[in-house]
Protein backbone atom coordinates (compact mmCIF):
# COMPACT_ATOMS: atom_id res chain seq x y z
CA MET A 1 24.16 29.15 -19.45
CA PRO A 2 23.83 29.33 -15.64
CA ASN A 3 23.97 25.65 -14.11
CA THR A 4 20.62 24.19 -13.12
CA PRO A 5 19.79 20.99 -11.41
CA LEU A 6 17.85 18.85 -14.36
CA PRO A 7 13.91 18.56 -12.77
CA GLU A 8 13.31 15.40 -10.97
CA ARG A 9 10.90 13.22 -12.95
CA PRO A 10 7.41 12.42 -11.59
CA ARG A 11 6.70 9.53 -9.26
CA ARG A 12 5.07 6.53 -11.08
CA ILE A 13 2.04 5.61 -8.82
CA ARG A 14 0.51 1.97 -10.29
CA VAL A 15 -3.59 1.59 -8.86
CA GLN A 16 -4.36 -1.85 -8.20
CA ARG A 17 -8.14 -3.06 -8.17
CA ASP A 18 -8.92 -3.99 -4.29
CA GLY A 19 -5.13 -3.68 -3.61
CA PRO A 20 -2.56 -0.83 -2.18
CA LEU A 21 -1.04 1.70 -4.48
CA LEU A 22 2.22 1.00 -5.32
CA ILE A 23 4.95 4.01 -5.53
CA GLU A 24 8.10 4.53 -6.58
CA GLY A 25 10.18 5.80 -3.83
CA PRO A 26 11.56 7.35 -1.82
CA VAL A 27 8.62 8.77 -0.27
CA GLU A 28 6.94 10.81 2.32
CA VAL A 29 3.72 10.04 3.54
CA VAL A 30 1.68 12.72 5.60
CA GLY A 31 -1.51 11.21 7.73
CA GLU A 32 -4.60 13.14 8.60
CA ASP A 33 -3.17 13.73 12.11
CA GLY A 34 -0.10 15.32 10.29
CA GLU A 35 2.36 12.39 11.10
CA LEU A 36 5.23 12.05 8.67
CA THR A 37 6.12 8.66 7.79
CA VAL A 38 9.32 7.98 5.49
CA SER A 39 10.33 5.13 3.34
CA ASP A 40 13.61 5.09 0.92
CA ARG A 41 12.68 2.16 -0.50
CA PHE A 42 12.59 1.75 -4.22
CA THR A 43 9.04 0.75 -4.60
CA VAL A 44 6.57 1.33 -1.38
CA ALA A 45 2.91 -0.06 -1.16
CA VAL A 46 0.43 2.41 0.38
CA CYS A 47 -2.87 1.11 1.71
CA THR A 48 -5.86 2.17 0.71
CA CYS A 49 -8.20 -0.23 2.64
CA ARG A 50 -7.27 1.08 6.09
CA ARG A 51 -7.18 -2.85 7.39
CA SER A 52 -3.26 -2.98 7.66
CA ARG A 53 -1.66 -2.80 11.15
CA GLU A 54 1.52 -1.28 9.67
CA PHE A 55 -0.97 1.60 8.01
CA PRO A 56 0.04 3.84 5.95
CA TRP A 57 2.10 0.79 4.21
CA CYS A 58 0.36 -1.98 3.00
CA ASP A 59 0.85 -5.75 5.08
CA THR A 60 -1.82 -7.11 2.26
CA SER A 61 -4.88 -7.39 4.98
CA HIS A 62 -6.62 -6.42 1.94
CA ARG A 63 -6.48 -10.11 0.51
CA CYS A 64 -9.72 -12.08 1.00
CA ARG A 65 -9.36 -14.48 4.22
CA ARG A 66 -11.59 -17.53 3.37
CA LYS A 67 -12.64 -20.38 5.45
CA PRO A 68 -12.13 -23.44 3.46
CA PRO A 69 -15.25 -25.22 2.04
CA ALA A 70 -17.02 -27.35 4.55
CA GLU A 71 -16.76 -31.15 4.21
CA LYS A 72 -20.47 -32.89 3.98
CA GLY A 73 -21.85 -33.65 6.86
CA ASP A 74 -20.20 -31.07 9.02
CA ASP A 75 -23.22 -28.83 9.16
CA ALA A 76 -25.64 -31.76 9.54
CA PRO A 77 -28.05 -31.21 13.12
């Protein structure tokens, strides 16, 4: 019987509503321009909203940024 390597198991990708794709690493991401970005981390967060400054990696820019509620009288003319 020939010594054949075991097939690599499929990568697990977790989809989150309004969040990044969480992918079991290591991964290679090829951008639209053909640029290759590599991460050897055990799990990576890939941005899907394109707001990240570290694109294609998520930097949590997708989170809603809300102003604190205005105090009474702040908006009075």
